[in-house]
Amino acid sequence: MTSRNIDPIIRPCTEELPLEPSVGIGEKITRAIELMVSHNLNRIAVVRNRRAVGMIRLEDAFQEIGLEMPAK
């Protein structure tokens, strides 16, 4: 599996998300997945200069690296 960054899967924020935990522009998808799984989140804010510029969905992150979401 190659290390990919989050940039291609950033979506606009559709709701206000907490800034902690968050990931920055250009961070690795695996880092975003690690944070979301460890904090039991389905979405995480993407920040630049401590301001949300978008969000990442766990489902999109899994799909981008070729994995399926675990069944609930």
PDB file of N, CA and C in Angstrom:
ATOM      1  N   MET A   1       0.850  -1.175   0.000  1.00  0.00           N
ATOM      2  CA  MET A   1       0.000   0.000   0.000  1.00  0.00           C
ATOM      3  C   MET A   1       0.896   1.238   0.000  1.00  0.00           C
ATOM      4  N   THR A   2       0.623   2.155  -0.888  1.00  0.00           N
ATOM      5  CA  THR A   2       1.425   3.364  -0.951  1.00  0.00           C
ATOM      6  C   THR A   2       0.920   4.381   0.060  1.00  0.00           C
ATOM      7  N   SER A   3       1.822   5.243   0.487  1.00  0.00           N
ATOM      8  CA  SER A   3       1.427   6.314   1.403  1.00  0.00           C
ATOM      9  C   SER A   3       0.811   7.431   0.582  1.00  0.00           C
ATOM     10  N   ARG A   4      -0.438   7.667   0.810  1.00  0.00           N
ATOM     11  CA  ARG A   4      -1.146   8.733   0.100  1.00  0.00           C
ATOM     12  C   ARG A   4      -1.531   9.809   1.093  1.00  0.00           C
ATOM     13  N   ASN A   5      -1.650  11.028   0.571  1.00  0.00           N
ATOM     14  CA  ASN A   5      -2.083  12.076   1.487  1.00  0.00           C
ATOM     15  C   ASN A   5      -3.576  12.329   1.339  1.00  0.00           C
ATOM     16  N   ILE A   6      -4.102  13.103   2.248  1.00  0.00           N
ATOM     17  CA  ILE A   6      -5.542  13.316   2.351  1.00  0.00           C
ATOM     18  C   ILE A   6      -6.107  14.286   1.325  1.00  0.00           C
ATOM     19  N   ASP A   7      -5.254  15.051   0.670  1.00  0.00           N
ATOM     20  CA  ASP A   7      -5.735  16.135  -0.184  1.00  0.00           C
ATOM     21  C   ASP A   7      -6.827  15.741  -1.185  1.00  0.00           C
ATOM     22  N   PRO A   8      -6.726  14.589  -1.894  1.00  0.00           N
ATOM     23  CA  PRO A   8      -7.769  14.274  -2.881  1.00  0.00           C
ATOM     24  C   PRO A   8      -9.142  13.946  -2.289  1.00  0.00           C
ATOM     25  N   ILE A   9      -9.214  13.668  -1.012  1.00  0.00           N
ATOM     26  CA  ILE A   9     -10.509  13.277  -0.429  1.00  0.00           C
ATOM     27  C   ILE A   9     -11.080  14.313   0.530  1.00  0.00           C
ATOM     28  N   ILE A  10     -10.495  15.494   0.559  1.00  0.00           N
ATOM     29  CA  ILE A  10     -11.028  16.561   1.419  1.00  0.00           C
ATOM     30  C   ILE A  10     -12.359  17.028   0.854  1.00  0.00           C
ATOM     31  N   ARG A  11     -13.343  17.112   1.724  1.00  0.00           N
ATOM     32  CA  ARG A  11     -14.680  17.603   1.363  1.00  0.00           C
ATOM     33  C   ARG A  11     -14.934  18.925   2.092  1.00  0.00           C
ATOM     34  N   PRO A  12     -15.873  19.719   1.584  1.00  0.00           N
ATOM     35  CA  PRO A  12     -16.256  20.922   2.331  1.00  0.00           C
ATOM     36  C   PRO A  12     -16.879  20.526   3.671  1.00  0.00           C
ATOM     37  N   CYS A  13     -16.704  21.360   4.663  1.00  0.00           N
ATOM     38  CA  CYS A  13     -17.334  21.107   5.967  1.00  0.00           C
ATOM     39  C   CYS A  13     -18.825  21.343   5.826  1.00  0.00           C
ATOM     40  N   THR A  14     -19.598  20.330   6.165  1.00  0.00           N
ATOM     41  CA  THR A  14     -21.051  20.462   6.098  1.00  0.00           C
ATOM     42  C   THR A  14     -21.647  20.777   7.463  1.00  0.00           C
ATOM     43  N   GLU A  15     -20.797  20.733   8.460  1.00  0.00           N
ATOM     44  CA  GLU A  15     -21.226  21.030   9.826  1.00  0.00           C
ATOM     45  C   GLU A  15     -19.989  21.474  10.594  1.00  0.00           C
ATOM     46  N   GLU A  16     -20.219  22.042  11.750  1.00  0.00           N
ATOM     47  CA  GLU A  16     -19.092  22.459  12.576  1.00  0.00           C
ATOM     48  C   GLU A  16     -18.478  21.229  13.236  1.00  0.00           C
ATOM     49  N   LEU A  17     -17.193  21.041  12.999  1.00  0.00           N
ATOM     50  CA  LEU A  17     -16.477  19.916  13.595  1.00  0.00           C
ATOM     51  C   LEU A  17     -15.471  20.437  14.609  1.00  0.00           C
ATOM     52  N   PRO A  18     -15.211  19.664  15.657  1.00  0.00           N
ATOM     53  CA  PRO A  18     -14.173  20.077  16.608  1.00  0.00           C
ATOM     54  C   PRO A  18     -12.813  20.100  15.918  1.00  0.00           C
ATOM     55  N   LEU A  19     -11.933  20.967  16.367  1.00  0.00           N
ATOM     56  CA  LEU A  19     -10.599  21.068  15.781  1.00  0.00           C
ATOM     57  C   LEU A  19      -9.606  20.120  16.434  1.00  0.00           C
ATOM     58  N   GLU A  20     -10.032  19.413  17.454  1.00  0.00           N
ATOM     59  CA  GLU A  20      -9.199  18.389  18.090  1.00  0.00           C
ATOM     60  C   GLU A  20     -10.008  17.123  18.218  1.00  0.00           C
ATOM     61  N   PRO A  21      -9.570  16.031  17.697  1.00  0.00           N
ATOM     62  CA  PRO A  21      -8.389  15.882  16.865  1.00  0.00           C
ATOM     63  C   PRO A  21      -8.661  16.400  15.454  1.00  0.00           C
ATOM     64  N   SER A  22      -7.598  16.674  14.738  1.00  0.00           N
ATOM     65  CA  SER A  22      -7.705  17.123  13.355  1.00  0.00           C
ATOM     66  C   SER A  22      -6.441  16.721  12.610  1.00  0.00           C
ATOM     67  N   VAL A  23      -6.475  16.877  11.300  1.00  0.00           N
ATOM     68  CA  VAL A  23      -5.300  16.637  10.463  1.00  0.00           C
ATOM     69  C   VAL A  23      -5.042  17.882   9.636  1.00  0.00           C
ATOM     70  N   GLY A  24      -3.821  18.045   9.198  1.00  0.00           N
ATOM     71  CA  GLY A  24      -3.457  19.186   8.377  1.00  0.00           C
ATOM     72  C   GLY A  24      -3.412  18.815   6.903  1.00  0.00           C
ATOM     73  N   ILE A  25      -3.485  19.822   6.067  1.00  0.00           N
ATOM     74  CA  ILE A  25      -3.354  19.632   4.617  1.00  0.00           C
ATOM     75  C   ILE A  25      -2.065  18.846   4.352  1.00  0.00           C
ATOM     76  N   GLY A  26      -2.144  17.871   3.484  1.00  0.00           N
ATOM     77  CA  GLY A  26      -0.963  17.108   3.094  1.00  0.00           C
ATOM     78  C   GLY A  26      -0.598  15.948   4.001  1.00  0.00           C
ATOM     79  N   GLU A  27      -1.331  15.760   5.098  1.00  0.00           N
ATOM     80  CA  GLU A  27      -1.019  14.628   5.982  1.00  0.00           C
ATOM     81  C   GLU A  27      -1.422  13.314   5.321  1.00  0.00           C
ATOM     82  N   LYS A  28      -0.883  12.245   5.821  1.00  0.00           N
ATOM     83  CA  LYS A  28      -1.134  10.913   5.277  1.00  0.00           C
ATOM     84  C   LYS A  28      -2.536  10.424   5.650  1.00  0.00           C
ATOM     85  N   ILE A  29      -3.148   9.700   4.732  1.00  0.00           N
ATOM     86  CA  ILE A  29      -4.470   9.118   4.975  1.00  0.00           C
ATOM     87  C   ILE A  29      -4.435   8.196   6.182  1.00  0.00           C
ATOM     88  N   THR A  30      -3.356   7.442   6.325  1.00  0.00           N
ATOM     89  CA  THR A  30      -3.280   6.509   7.452  1.00  0.00           C
ATOM     90  C   THR A  30      -3.322   7.249   8.783  1.00  0.00           C
ATOM     91  N   ARG A  31      -2.773   8.444   8.851  1.00  0.00           N
ATOM     92  CA  ARG A  31      -2.828   9.253  10.082  1.00  0.00           C
ATOM     93  C   ARG A  31      -4.270   9.663  10.375  1.00  0.00           C
ATOM     94  N   ALA A  32      -5.002  10.085   9.345  1.00  0.00           N
ATOM     95  CA  ALA A  32      -6.404  10.475   9.527  1.00  0.00           C
ATOM     96  C   ALA A  32      -7.234   9.283  10.000  1.00  0.00           C
ATOM     97  N   ILE A  33      -7.008   8.116   9.391  1.00  0.00           N
ATOM     98  CA  ILE A  33      -7.738   6.913   9.797  1.00  0.00           C
ATOM     99  C   ILE A  33      -7.410   6.564  11.242  1.00  0.00           C
ATOM    100  N   GLU A  34      -6.136   6.609  11.585  1.00  0.00           N
ATOM    101  CA  GLU A  34      -5.706   6.295  12.955  1.00  0.00           C
ATOM    102  C   GLU A  34      -6.418   7.188  13.970  1.00  0.00           C
ATOM    103  N   LEU A  35      -6.492   8.478  13.695  1.00  0.00           N
ATOM    104  CA  LEU A  35      -7.153   9.413  14.616  1.00  0.00           C
ATOM    105  C   LEU A  35      -8.654   9.148  14.706  1.00  0.00           C
ATOM    106  N   MET A  36      -9.290   8.935  13.554  1.00  0.00           N
ATOM    107  CA  MET A  36     -10.731   8.702  13.572  1.00  0.00           C
ATOM    108  C   MET A  36     -11.081   7.410  14.305  1.00  0.00           C
ATOM    109  N   VAL A  37     -10.339   6.349  14.049  1.00  0.00           N
ATOM    110  CA  VAL A  37     -10.621   5.070  14.710  1.00  0.00           C
ATOM    111  C   VAL A  37     -10.363   5.172  16.213  1.00  0.00           C
ATOM    112  N   SER A  38      -9.253   5.774  16.603  1.00  0.00           N
ATOM    113  CA  SER A  38      -8.917   5.850  18.027  1.00  0.00           C
ATOM    114  C   SER A  38      -9.867   6.757  18.815  1.00  0.00           C
ATOM    115  N   HIS A  39     -10.508   7.722  18.125  1.00  0.00           N
ATOM    116  CA  HIS A  39     -11.449   8.617  18.789  1.00  0.00           C
ATOM    117  C   HIS A  39     -12.907   8.287  18.443  1.00  0.00           C
ATOM    118  N   ASN A  40     -13.119   7.147  17.762  1.00  0.00           N
ATOM    119  CA  ASN A  40     -14.459   6.696  17.387  1.00  0.00           C
ATOM    120  C   ASN A  40     -15.233   7.772  16.618  1.00  0.00           C
ATOM    121  N   LEU A  41     -14.602   8.323  15.575  1.00  0.00           N
ATOM    122  CA  LEU A  41     -15.196   9.377  14.756  1.00  0.00           C
ATOM    123  C   LEU A  41     -15.430   8.887  13.333  1.00  0.00           C
ATOM    124  N   ASN A  42     -16.459   9.420  12.689  1.00  0.00           N
ATOM    125  CA  ASN A  42     -16.705   9.135  11.269  1.00  0.00           C
ATOM    126  C   ASN A  42     -16.192  10.245  10.368  1.00  0.00           C
ATOM    127  N   ARG A  43     -15.935  11.417  10.959  1.00  0.00           N
ATOM    128  CA  ARG A  43     -15.421  12.573  10.218  1.00  0.00           C
ATOM    129  C   ARG A  43     -14.376  13.276  11.071  1.00  0.00           C
ATOM    130  N   ILE A  44     -13.435  13.930  10.391  1.00  0.00           N
ATOM    131  CA  ILE A  44     -12.418  14.688  11.114  1.00  0.00           C
ATOM    132  C   ILE A  44     -12.127  15.972  10.336  1.00  0.00           C
ATOM    133  N   ALA A  45     -11.869  17.042  11.071  1.00  0.00           N
ATOM    134  CA  ALA A  45     -11.580  18.324  10.439  1.00  0.00           C
ATOM    135  C   ALA A  45     -10.181  18.324   9.827  1.00  0.00           C
ATOM    136  N   VAL A  46     -10.077  19.019   8.691  1.00  0.00           N
ATOM    137  CA  VAL A  46      -8.781  19.293   8.064  1.00  0.00           C
ATOM    138  C   VAL A  46      -8.509  20.766   8.328  1.00  0.00           C
ATOM    139  N   VAL A  47      -7.357  21.058   8.921  1.00  0.00           N
ATOM    140  CA  VAL A  47      -7.075  22.433   9.337  1.00  0.00           C
ATOM    141  C   VAL A  47      -5.838  23.002   8.650  1.00  0.00           C
ATOM    142  N   ARG A  48      -5.857  24.318   8.542  1.00  0.00           N
ATOM    143  CA  ARG A  48      -4.699  25.092   8.095  1.00  0.00           C
ATOM    144  C   ARG A  48      -4.688  26.352   8.954  1.00  0.00           C
ATOM    145  N   ASN A  49      -3.577  26.643   9.568  1.00  0.00           N
ATOM    146  CA  ASN A  49      -3.458  27.807  10.451  1.00  0.00           C
ATOM    147  C   ASN A  49      -4.549  27.821  11.525  1.00  0.00           C
ATOM    148  N   ARG A  50      -4.800  26.645  12.104  1.00  0.00           N
ATOM    149  CA  ARG A  50      -5.774  26.453  13.190  1.00  0.00           C
ATOM    150  C   ARG A  50      -7.211  26.786  12.795  1.00  0.00           C
ATOM    151  N   ARG A  51      -7.512  26.742  11.484  1.00  0.00           N
ATOM    152  CA  ARG A  51      -8.880  26.970  11.004  1.00  0.00           C
ATOM    153  C   ARG A  51      -9.292  25.803  10.123  1.00  0.00           C
ATOM    154  N   ALA A  52     -10.519  25.347  10.279  1.00  0.00           N
ATOM    155  CA  ALA A  52     -11.021  24.242   9.463  1.00  0.00           C
ATOM    156  C   ALA A  52     -11.167  24.691   8.014  1.00  0.00           C
ATOM    157  N   VAL A  53     -10.599  23.908   7.103  1.00  0.00           N
ATOM    158  CA  VAL A  53     -10.711  24.191   5.669  1.00  0.00           C
ATOM    159  C   VAL A  53     -11.479  23.090   4.951  1.00  0.00           C
ATOM    160  N   GLY A  54     -11.851  22.054   5.684  1.00  0.00           N
ATOM    161  CA  GLY A  54     -12.590  20.942   5.102  1.00  0.00           C
ATOM    162  C   GLY A  54     -12.693  19.814   6.096  1.00  0.00           C
ATOM    163  N   MET A  55     -13.111  18.664   5.596  1.00  0.00           N
ATOM    164  CA  MET A  55     -13.229  17.495   6.459  1.00  0.00           C
ATOM    165  C   MET A  55     -12.927  16.247   5.648  1.00  0.00           C
ATOM    166  N   ILE A  56     -12.643  15.175   6.359  1.00  0.00           N
ATOM    167  CA  ILE A  56     -12.405  13.860   5.764  1.00  0.00           C
ATOM    168  C   ILE A  56     -13.407  12.904   6.390  1.00  0.00           C
ATOM    169  N   ARG A  57     -14.016  12.053   5.576  1.00  0.00           N
ATOM    170  CA  ARG A  57     -14.901  11.011   6.091  1.00  0.00           C
ATOM    171  C   ARG A  57     -14.118   9.708   6.167  1.00  0.00           C
ATOM    172  N   LEU A  58     -14.355   8.946   7.223  1.00  0.00           N
ATOM    173  CA  LEU A  58     -13.665   7.672   7.402  1.00  0.00           C
ATOM    174  C   LEU A  58     -13.921   6.751   6.214  1.00  0.00           C
ATOM    175  N   GLU A  59     -15.141   6.721   5.747  1.00  0.00           N
ATOM    176  CA  GLU A  59     -15.502   5.880   4.598  1.00  0.00           C
ATOM    177  C   GLU A  59     -14.664   6.237   3.366  1.00  0.00           C
ATOM    178  N   ASP A  60     -14.491   7.530   3.099  1.00  0.00           N
ATOM    179  CA  ASP A  60     -13.686   7.969   1.948  1.00  0.00           C
ATOM    180  C   ASP A  60     -12.222   7.601   2.119  1.00  0.00           C
ATOM    181  N   ALA A  61     -11.718   7.723   3.348  1.00  0.00           N
ATOM    182  CA  ALA A  61     -10.317   7.396   3.610  1.00  0.00           C
ATOM    183  C   ALA A  61     -10.049   5.914   3.368  1.00  0.00           C
ATOM    184  N   PHE A  62     -10.934   5.056   3.874  1.00  0.00           N
ATOM    185  CA  PHE A  62     -10.791   3.614   3.638  1.00  0.00           C
ATOM    186  C   PHE A  62     -10.846   3.315   2.135  1.00  0.00           C
ATOM    187  N   GLN A  63     -11.797   3.895   1.456  1.00  0.00           N
ATOM    188  CA  GLN A  63     -11.960   3.648   0.029  1.00  0.00           C
ATOM    189  C   GLN A  63     -10.720   4.094  -0.758  1.00  0.00           C
ATOM    190  N   GLU A  64     -10.149   5.224  -0.397  1.00  0.00           N
ATOM    191  CA  GLU A  64      -8.977   5.755  -1.099  1.00  0.00           C
ATOM    192  C   GLU A  64      -7.782   4.808  -1.020  1.00  0.00           C
ATOM    193  N   ILE A  65      -7.671   4.069   0.080  1.00  0.00           N
ATOM    194  CA  ILE A  65      -6.537   3.142   0.194  1.00  0.00           C
ATOM    195  C   ILE A  65      -6.929   1.709  -0.154  1.00  0.00           C
ATOM    196  N   GLY A  66      -8.154   1.542  -0.677  1.00  0.00           N
ATOM    197  CA  GLY A  66      -8.559   0.235  -1.177  1.00  0.00           C
ATOM    198  C   GLY A  66      -9.143  -0.716  -0.150  1.00  0.00           C
ATOM    199  N   LEU A  67      -9.677  -0.167   0.937  1.00  0.00           N
ATOM    200  CA  LEU A  67     -10.284  -1.001   1.974  1.00  0.00           C
ATOM    201  C   LEU A  67     -11.779  -0.673   2.071  1.00  0.00           C
ATOM    202  N   GLU A  68     -12.541  -1.611   2.608  1.00  0.00           N
ATOM    203  CA  GLU A  68     -13.957  -1.389   2.852  1.00  0.00           C
ATOM    204  C   GLU A  68     -14.165  -1.036   4.310  1.00  0.00           C
ATOM    205  N   MET A  69     -15.212  -0.258   4.560  1.00  0.00           N
ATOM    206  CA  MET A  69     -15.564   0.071   5.943  1.00  0.00           C
ATOM    207  C   MET A  69     -15.953  -1.204   6.672  1.00  0.00           C
ATOM    208  N   PRO A  70     -15.497  -1.345   7.908  1.00  0.00           N
ATOM    209  CA  PRO A  70     -15.930  -2.494   8.709  1.00  0.00           C
ATOM    210  C   PRO A  70     -17.441  -2.419   8.938  1.00  0.00           C
ATOM    211  N   ALA A  71     -18.090  -3.568   9.007  1.00  0.00           N
ATOM    212  CA  ALA A  71     -19.521  -3.616   9.282  1.00  0.00           C
ATOM    213  C   ALA A  71     -19.776  -3.138  10.708  1.00  0.00           C
ATOM    214  N   LYS A  72     -20.882  -2.449  10.888  1.00  0.00           N
ATOM    215  CA  LYS A  72     -21.223  -1.922  12.214  1.00  0.00           C
ATOM    216  C   LYS A  72     -21.894  -2.971  13.048  1.00  0.00           C
TER     217      LYS A  72
END
